[in-house]
C-alpha atoms as a PDB file:
ATOM      1  CA  MET A   1       8.648  61.372 -38.896  1.00  0.00           C
ATOM      2  CA  ASP A   2      10.253  60.791 -42.104  1.00  0.00           C
ATOM      3  CA  LEU A   3       8.044  58.614 -43.992  1.00  0.00           C
ATOM      4  CA  SER A   4       8.962  57.481 -47.330  1.00  0.00           C
ATOM      5  CA  PHE A   5       6.674  54.806 -49.523  1.00  0.00           C
ATOM      6  CA  GLY A   6       8.932  54.802 -52.649  1.00  0.00           C
ATOM      7  CA  PHE A   7      10.850  51.788 -51.332  1.00  0.00           C
ATOM      8  CA  LEU A   8       7.962  49.502 -51.241  1.00  0.00           C
ATOM      9  CA  LEU A   9       8.304  49.170 -55.208  1.00  0.00           C
ATOM     10  CA  GLU A  10      11.291  46.885 -54.549  1.00  0.00           C
ATOM     11  CA  TYR A  11       8.618  44.435 -52.456  1.00  0.00           C
ATOM     12  CA  SER A  12       5.681  44.992 -54.639  1.00  0.00           C
ATOM     13  CA  GLY A  13       6.126  41.232 -56.003  1.00  0.00           C
ATOM     14  CA  VAL A  14       6.252  39.729 -52.696  1.00  0.00           C
ATOM     15  CA  LEU A  15       3.346  41.706 -51.424  1.00  0.00           C
ATOM     16  CA  PHE A  16       1.410  40.536 -54.299  1.00  0.00           C
ATOM     17  CA  GLU A  17       2.100  36.870 -53.751  1.00  0.00           C
ATOM     18  CA  GLY A  18       1.337  37.516 -50.164  1.00  0.00           C
ATOM     19  CA  LEU A  19      -2.136  38.783 -51.483  1.00  0.00           C
ATOM     20  CA  LEU A  20      -2.577  35.633 -53.852  1.00  0.00           C
ATOM     21  CA  ASN A  21      -1.971  33.134 -50.880  1.00  0.00           C
ATOM     22  CA  THR A  22      -4.526  35.043 -48.691  1.00  0.00           C
ATOM     23  CA  LEU A  23      -6.994  34.969 -51.879  1.00  0.00           C
ATOM     24  CA  LYS A  24      -6.261  31.527 -52.410  1.00  0.00           C
ATOM     25  CA  PHE A  25      -6.747  29.812 -48.890  1.00  0.00           C
ATOM     26  CA  VAL A  26      -9.742  32.404 -48.033  1.00  0.00           C
ATOM     27  CA  SER A  27     -11.692  31.238 -51.088  1.00  0.00           C
ATOM     28  CA  LEU A  28     -11.029  27.440 -50.042  1.00  0.00           C
ATOM     29  CA  ALA A  29     -12.193  27.886 -46.740  1.00  0.00           C
ATOM     30  CA  ALA A  30     -15.191  30.221 -47.756  1.00  0.00           C
ATOM     31  CA  VAL A  31     -16.243  27.271 -49.847  1.00  0.00           C
ATOM     32  CA  LEU A  32     -15.646  24.620 -47.288  1.00  0.00           C
ATOM     33  CA  GLY A  33     -17.096  26.697 -44.987  1.00  0.00           C
ATOM     34  CA  LEU A  34     -20.395  27.309 -47.101  1.00  0.00           C
ATOM     35  CA  VAL A  35     -21.075  23.602 -47.524  1.00  0.00           C
ATOM     36  CA  TRP A  36     -20.311  23.047 -43.645  1.00  0.00           C
ATOM     37  CA  GLY A  37     -22.304  25.929 -42.777  1.00  0.00           C
ATOM     38  CA  PHE A  38     -25.318  24.745 -44.686  1.00  0.00           C
ATOM     39  CA  VAL A  39     -25.018  21.184 -43.046  1.00  0.00           C
ATOM     40  CA  LEU A  40     -24.995  23.090 -39.619  1.00  0.00           C
ATOM     41  CA  SER A  41     -28.268  24.923 -40.782  1.00  0.00           C
ATOM     42  CA  LEU A  42     -29.800  21.811 -41.423  1.00  0.00           C
ATOM     43  CA  GLY A  43     -29.166  20.638 -37.782  1.00  0.00           C
ATOM     44  CA  ARG A  44     -30.196  24.020 -36.467  1.00  0.00           C
ATOM     45  CA  THR A  45     -33.845  23.522 -37.925  1.00  0.00           C
ATOM     46  CA  SER A  46     -33.983  19.885 -37.299  1.00  0.00           C
ATOM     47  CA  LYS A  47     -36.850  18.294 -35.334  1.00  0.00           C
ATOM     48  CA  SER A  48     -34.443  16.198 -33.444  1.00  0.00           C
ATOM     49  CA  SER A  49     -33.718  17.813 -29.937  1.00  0.00           C
ATOM     50  CA  ALA A  50     -30.264  16.053 -29.791  1.00  0.00           C
ATOM     51  CA  ILE A  51     -29.141  17.351 -33.350  1.00  0.00           C
ATOM     52  CA  TYR A  52     -30.267  20.789 -32.665  1.00  0.00           C
ATOM     53  CA  GLY A  53     -28.739  20.910 -29.358  1.00  0.00           C
ATOM     54  CA  LEU A  54     -25.327  19.631 -30.662  1.00  0.00           C
ATOM     55  CA  THR A  55     -25.347  21.864 -33.572  1.00  0.00           C
ATOM     56  CA  THR A  56     -26.345  24.823 -31.272  1.00  0.00           C
ATOM     57  CA  ILE A  57     -23.480  24.028 -28.883  1.00  0.00           C
ATOM     58  CA  TYR A  58     -20.964  24.149 -31.936  1.00  0.00           C
ATOM     59  CA  VAL A  59     -22.346  27.320 -33.430  1.00  0.00           C
ATOM     60  CA  GLU A  60     -22.337  29.123 -30.326  1.00  0.00           C
ATOM     61  CA  PHE A  61     -18.948  28.143 -29.066  1.00  0.00           C
ATOM     62  CA  PHE A  62     -17.282  29.095 -32.202  1.00  0.00           C
ATOM     63  CA  ARG A  63     -19.334  32.285 -32.702  1.00  0.00           C
ATOM     64  CA  GLY A  64     -18.238  33.199 -29.027  1.00  0.00           C
ATOM     65  CA  THR A  65     -14.597  32.265 -28.717  1.00  0.00           C
ATOM     66  CA  PRO A  66     -11.729  34.349 -30.290  1.00  0.00           C
ATOM     67  CA  VAL A  67     -10.762  33.035 -33.858  1.00  0.00           C
ATOM     68  CA  LEU A  68      -6.986  33.441 -32.886  1.00  0.00           C
ATOM     69  CA  ILE A  69      -7.620  30.969 -29.754  1.00  0.00           C
ATOM     70  CA  GLN A  70      -9.380  28.555 -32.433  1.00  0.00           C
ATOM     71  CA  LEU A  71      -6.536  28.872 -34.639  1.00  0.00           C
ATOM     72  CA  PHE A  72      -3.768  28.162 -32.012  1.00  0.00           C
ATOM     73  CA  TRP A  73      -5.821  25.190 -30.615  1.00  0.00           C
ATOM     74  CA  VAL A  74      -5.874  23.554 -34.125  1.00  0.00           C
ATOM     75  CA  PHE A  75      -2.375  23.929 -34.891  1.00  0.00           C
ATOM     76  CA  PHE A  76      -0.992  23.281 -31.431  1.00  0.00           C
ATOM     77  CA  CYS A  77      -3.562  20.955 -29.748  1.00  0.00           C
ATOM     78  CA  LEU A  78      -5.315  18.969 -32.805  1.00  0.00           C
ATOM     79  CA  PRO A  79      -2.155  17.215 -33.856  1.00  0.00           C
ATOM     80  CA  LEU A  80      -1.682  15.629 -30.385  1.00  0.00           C
ATOM     81  CA  PHE A  81      -5.142  14.116 -30.672  1.00  0.00           C
ATOM     82  CA  LEU A  82      -4.621  12.936 -34.275  1.00  0.00           C
ATOM     83  CA  GLY A  83      -1.073  11.863 -33.765  1.00  0.00           C
ATOM     84  CA  ILE A  84      -0.054  13.914 -36.939  1.00  0.00           C
ATOM     85  CA  GLU A  85       1.705  16.984 -37.787  1.00  0.00           C
ATOM     86  CA  LEU A  86      -0.590  19.784 -39.240  1.00  0.00           C
ATOM     87  CA  SER A  87       1.205  22.506 -41.523  1.00  0.00           C
ATOM     88  CA  GLY A  88       0.245  25.919 -41.061  1.00  0.00           C
ATOM     89  CA  PHE A  89      -1.841  25.882 -44.446  1.00  0.00           C
ATOM     90  CA  ALA A  90      -3.625  22.954 -43.339  1.00  0.00           C
ATOM     91  CA  SER A  91      -4.368  24.186 -39.679  1.00  0.00           C
ATOM     92  CA  SER A  92      -5.474  27.439 -41.289  1.00  0.00           C
ATOM     93  CA  ILE A  93      -7.982  26.076 -43.545  1.00  0.00           C
ATOM     94  CA  ILE A  94      -9.557  23.767 -40.861  1.00  0.00           C
ATOM     95  CA  ALA A  95      -9.633  26.623 -38.216  1.00  0.00           C
ATOM     96  CA  LEU A  96     -11.320  29.024 -40.941  1.00  0.00           C
ATOM     97  CA  THR A  97     -13.723  26.459 -42.105  1.00  0.00           C
ATOM     98  CA  LEU A  98     -14.931  25.520 -38.565  1.00  0.00           C
ATOM     99  CA  TYR A  99     -15.221  29.194 -37.742  1.00  0.00           C
ATOM    100  CA  SER A 100     -16.676  30.446 -41.072  1.00  0.00           C
ATOM    101  CA  GLY A 101     -19.069  27.340 -40.975  1.00  0.00           C
ATOM    102  CA  ALA A 102     -20.519  28.483 -37.799  1.00  0.00           C
ATOM    103  CA  ILE A 103     -21.203  32.308 -38.961  1.00  0.00           C
ATOM    104  CA  ILE A 104     -22.440  31.057 -42.236  1.00  0.00           C
ATOM    105  CA  SER A 105     -25.021  28.599 -40.584  1.00  0.00           C
ATOM    106  CA  GLU A 106     -26.911  31.392 -39.099  1.00  0.00           C
ATOM    107  CA  SER A 107     -27.191  32.881 -42.480  1.00  0.00           C
ATOM    108  CA  PHE A 108     -28.601  29.951 -43.873  1.00  0.00           C
ATOM    109  CA  ARG A 109     -30.749  29.021 -40.748  1.00  0.00           C
ATOM    110  CA  ALA A 110     -32.470  32.286 -41.381  1.00  0.00           C
ATOM    111  CA  ALA A 111     -32.932  31.702 -44.814  1.00  0.00           C
ATOM    112  CA  LEU A 112     -34.520  28.362 -44.554  1.00  0.00           C
ATOM    113  CA  LYS A 113     -36.923  29.661 -41.986  1.00  0.00           C
ATOM    114  CA  SER A 114     -37.942  32.159 -44.532  1.00  0.00           C
ATOM    115  CA  ILE A 115     -39.214  29.210 -47.053  1.00  0.00           C
ATOM    116  CA  GLU A 116     -42.663  28.584 -46.855  1.00  0.00           C
ATOM    117  CA  ARG A 117     -44.046  25.588 -45.724  1.00  0.00           C
ATOM    118  CA  SER A 118     -45.977  24.945 -48.779  1.00  0.00           C
ATOM    119  CA  GLN A 119     -42.696  24.193 -50.517  1.00  0.00           C
ATOM    120  CA  PHE A 120     -41.994  21.355 -48.207  1.00  0.00           C
ATOM    121  CA  ASP A 121     -45.619  20.085 -48.593  1.00  0.00           C
ATOM    122  CA  ALA A 122     -45.180  20.469 -52.420  1.00  0.00           C
ATOM    123  CA  CYS A 123     -41.947  17.975 -52.330  1.00  0.00           C
ATOM    124  CA  THR A 124     -43.970  15.585 -50.430  1.00  0.00           C
ATOM    125  CA  ALA A 125     -47.059  15.398 -52.449  1.00  0.00           C
ATOM    126  CA  LEU A 126     -44.603  14.849 -55.461  1.00  0.00           C
ATOM    127  CA  GLY A 127     -42.863  12.042 -53.412  1.00  0.00           C
ATOM    128  CA  LEU A 128     -39.094  13.550 -53.383  1.00  0.00           C
ATOM    129  CA  SER A 129     -36.967  11.919 -51.004  1.00  0.00           C
ATOM    130  CA  ALA A 130     -35.481  14.140 -48.384  1.00  0.00           C
ATOM    131  CA  GLY A 131     -32.046  14.247 -50.245  1.00  0.00           C
ATOM    132  CA  THR A 132     -33.634  15.518 -53.399  1.00  0.00           C
ATOM    133  CA  ARG A 133     -35.810  17.745 -51.845  1.00  0.00           C
ATOM    134  CA  THR A 134     -32.682  19.380 -50.114  1.00  0.00           C
ATOM    135  CA  LEU A 135     -30.429  19.411 -52.657  1.00  0.00           C
ATOM    136  CA  PHE A 136     -32.512  20.542 -55.651  1.00  0.00           C
ATOM    137  CA  VAL A 137     -35.520  22.730 -54.044  1.00  0.00           C
ATOM    138  CA  ILE A 138     -34.464  23.912 -50.549  1.00  0.00           C
ATOM    139  CA  LEU A 139     -31.018  24.630 -51.202  1.00  0.00           C
ATOM    140  CA  PRO A 140     -31.136  26.792 -54.244  1.00  0.00           C
ATOM    141  CA  GLN A 141     -34.100  28.909 -52.507  1.00  0.00           C
ATOM    142  CA  ALA A 142     -31.779  29.114 -49.389  1.00  0.00           C
ATOM    143  CA  VAL A 143     -28.944  30.259 -51.367  1.00  0.00           C
ATOM    144  CA  LEU A 144     -30.771  32.811 -53.023  1.00  0.00           C
ATOM    145  CA  ARG A 145     -32.202  34.460 -50.120  1.00  0.00           C
ATOM    146  CA  ALA A 146     -28.920  34.104 -47.851  1.00  0.00           C
ATOM    147  CA  ILE A 147     -26.717  35.706 -50.704  1.00  0.00           C
ATOM    148  CA  PRO A 148     -26.338  39.272 -49.083  1.00  0.00           C
ATOM    149  CA  ASN A 149     -25.505  37.372 -45.567  1.00  0.00           C
ATOM    150  CA  LEU A 150     -22.920  34.915 -47.222  1.00  0.00           C
ATOM    151  CA  LEU A 151     -21.114  37.852 -48.886  1.00  0.00           C
ATOM    152  CA  SER A 152     -20.887  39.777 -45.667  1.00  0.00           C
ATOM    153  CA  ASN A 153     -19.579  36.369 -43.766  1.00  0.00           C
ATOM    154  CA  VAL A 154     -17.017  36.080 -46.537  1.00  0.00           C
ATOM    155  CA  VAL A 155     -15.932  39.559 -46.137  1.00  0.00           C
ATOM    156  CA  SER A 156     -15.367  39.144 -42.501  1.00  0.00           C
ATOM    157  CA  LEU A 157     -13.713  35.621 -43.379  1.00  0.00           C
ATOM    158  CA  PHE A 158     -11.350  37.655 -45.272  1.00  0.00           C
ATOM    159  CA  LYS A 159     -10.477  40.145 -42.467  1.00  0.00           C
ATOM    160  CA  GLU A 160     -10.016  37.720 -40.129  1.00  0.00           C
ATOM    161  CA  SER A 161      -7.569  35.781 -42.330  1.00  0.00           C
ATOM    162  CA  ALA A 162      -4.915  38.122 -41.275  1.00  0.00           C
ATOM    163  CA  LEU A 163      -4.393  36.020 -37.965  1.00  0.00           C
ATOM    164  CA  VAL A 164      -3.195  33.023 -39.808  1.00  0.00           C
ATOM    165  CA  SER A 165       0.203  34.840 -40.166  1.00  0.00           C
ATOM    166  CA  ALA A 166       0.600  34.142 -36.432  1.00  0.00           C
ATOM    167  CA  VAL A 167       1.003  30.262 -37.363  1.00  0.00           C
ATOM    168  CA  GLY A 168       3.521  30.774 -40.073  1.00  0.00           C
ATOM    169  CA  MET A 169       1.196  31.213 -43.168  1.00  0.00           C
ATOM    170  CA  THR A 170       2.985  33.463 -45.648  1.00  0.00           C
ATOM    171  CA  ASP A 171      -0.108  35.398 -46.339  1.00  0.00           C
ATOM    172  CA  LEU A 172      -0.309  39.165 -47.048  1.00  0.00           C
ATOM    173  CA  MET A 173       0.043  40.123 -43.357  1.00  0.00           C
ATOM    174  CA  TYR A 174       3.256  37.600 -42.780  1.00  0.00           C
ATOM    175  CA  VAL A 175       4.815  39.075 -45.646  1.00  0.00           C
ATOM    176  CA  GLY A 176       4.291  42.487 -44.634  1.00  0.00           C
ATOM    177  CA  GLN A 177       5.676  41.854 -41.239  1.00  0.00           C
ATOM    178  CA  ASN A 178       8.728  40.458 -42.502  1.00  0.00           C
ATOM    179  CA  ILE A 179       9.460  43.311 -44.784  1.00  0.00           C
ATOM    180  CA  ALA A 180       8.889  45.676 -41.759  1.00  0.00           C
ATOM    181  CA  ASN A 181      11.461  43.545 -39.391  1.00  0.00           C
ATOM    182  CA  ASN A 182      13.819  43.560 -42.565  1.00  0.00           C
ATOM    183  CA  VAL A 183      13.651  47.540 -43.426  1.00  0.00           C
ATOM    184  CA  ALA A 184      12.676  48.956 -39.859  1.00  0.00           C
ATOM    185  CA  ARG A 185       9.548  50.752 -41.690  1.00  0.00           C
ATOM    186  CA  PRO A 186       6.784  49.486 -40.177  1.00  0.00           C
ATOM    187  CA  VAL A 187       4.547  52.593 -40.753  1.00  0.00           C
ATOM    188  CA  GLU A 188       4.938  52.209 -44.165  1.00  0.00           C
ATOM    189  CA  ILE A 189       4.688  48.668 -44.610  1.00  0.00           C
ATOM    190  CA  LEU A 190       1.806  48.088 -42.086  1.00  0.00           C
ATOM    191  CA  THR A 191      -0.100  51.034 -43.653  1.00  0.00           C
ATOM    192  CA  THR A 192       0.304  49.625 -47.340  1.00  0.00           C
ATOM    193  CA  VAL A 193      -0.890  46.100 -45.967  1.00  0.00           C
ATOM    194  CA  ALA A 194      -4.032  47.644 -44.414  1.00  0.00           C
ATOM    195  CA  LEU A 195      -4.888  49.660 -47.512  1.00  0.00           C
ATOM    196  CA  ILE A 196      -4.368  46.570 -49.335  1.00  0.00           C
ATOM    197  CA  TYR A 197      -7.028  44.931 -47.305  1.00  0.00           C
ATOM    198  CA  PHE A 198      -9.457  47.842 -47.592  1.00  0.00           C
ATOM    199  CA  ALA A 199      -9.006  47.648 -51.224  1.00  0.00           C
ATOM    200  CA  ILE A 200     -10.209  44.181 -51.537  1.00  0.00           C
ATOM    201  CA  GLY A 201     -12.886  44.506 -48.627  1.00  0.00           C
ATOM    202  CA  PHE A 202     -14.444  47.872 -49.427  1.00  0.00           C
ATOM    203  CA  PRO A 203     -15.715  46.986 -52.938  1.00  0.00           C
ATOM    204  CA  LEU A 204     -17.016  43.583 -51.500  1.00  0.00           C
ATOM    205  CA  THR A 205     -18.891  45.465 -48.782  1.00  0.00           C
ATOM    206  CA  ARG A 206     -20.450  47.789 -51.285  1.00  0.00           C
ATOM    207  CA  ALA A 207     -21.498  44.893 -53.503  1.00  0.00           C
ATOM    208  CA  VAL A 208     -23.265  43.465 -50.483  1.00  0.00           C
ATOM    209  CA  THR A 209     -25.173  46.381 -50.601  1.00  0.00           C
ATOM    210  CA  PHE A 210     -25.870  46.447 -54.344  1.00  0.00           C
ATOM    211  CA  VAL A 211     -26.863  42.710 -54.147  1.00  0.00           C
ATOM    212  CA  GLU A 212     -29.168  43.132 -51.351  1.00  0.00           C
ATOM    213  CA  GLY A 213     -30.786  46.257 -53.011  1.00  0.00           C
ATOM    214  CA  ARG A 214     -31.434  43.922 -56.232  1.00  0.00           C
ATOM    215  CA  LEU A 215     -32.737  41.066 -54.456  1.00  0.00           C
ATOM    216  CA  LEU A 216     -35.276  43.425 -52.512  1.00  0.00           C
ATOM    217  CA  LYS A 217     -36.459  44.689 -55.746  1.00  0.00           C
ATOM    218  CA  VAL A 218     -37.036  41.033 -57.141  1.00  0.00           C
ATOM    219  CA  VAL A 219     -38.972  39.891 -53.933  1.00  0.00           C
ATOM    220  CA  LYS A 220     -41.014  42.974 -54.299  1.00  0.00           C
ATOM    221  CA  ALA A 221     -41.759  42.532 -57.834  1.00  0.00           C
END
């Protein structure tokens, strides 16, 4: 097999643009997923059996079904119910937010359970409302304790984002596939795309380990 990667310099610009598009919508989906995940985690720790049940069903469904099917359902089926046409970008953001919210909620739920009951009792003694308590007391502590898991969730989201090429999103994977089809050199192109994903994902996984180690030292101190 005659392998040559030199021609890729000609396509470096479009590959970089595809990477930027990937990072943009992954960042947006991650932020929305963090918000949605925290809301779900509150439901998963709720004393109301109805709220707990509904949020549990949601989380288990989105964690237990393939992301590609979720993406296709949002892209092809959701517009039939809404009566509007959704772009590939909108469908990708919705699907990734719904999925990431489910996995992120478990990180927040574990963090919420680790917060001592005395924190809640102190808020009640100070006369803080439920909203104030959640936003200014519980949320900051939950985020701090969940940081390592949240970073892992974002890494997973970044890797799963390659699936959005299936609905025409011009992300890194989509651009790579188009180049491979045009030049008939799939080995070089797909290998390069995989290395780009690795170059982004690997440092993030190392960052998770580093942050987790630092937080453990803080907790022990």
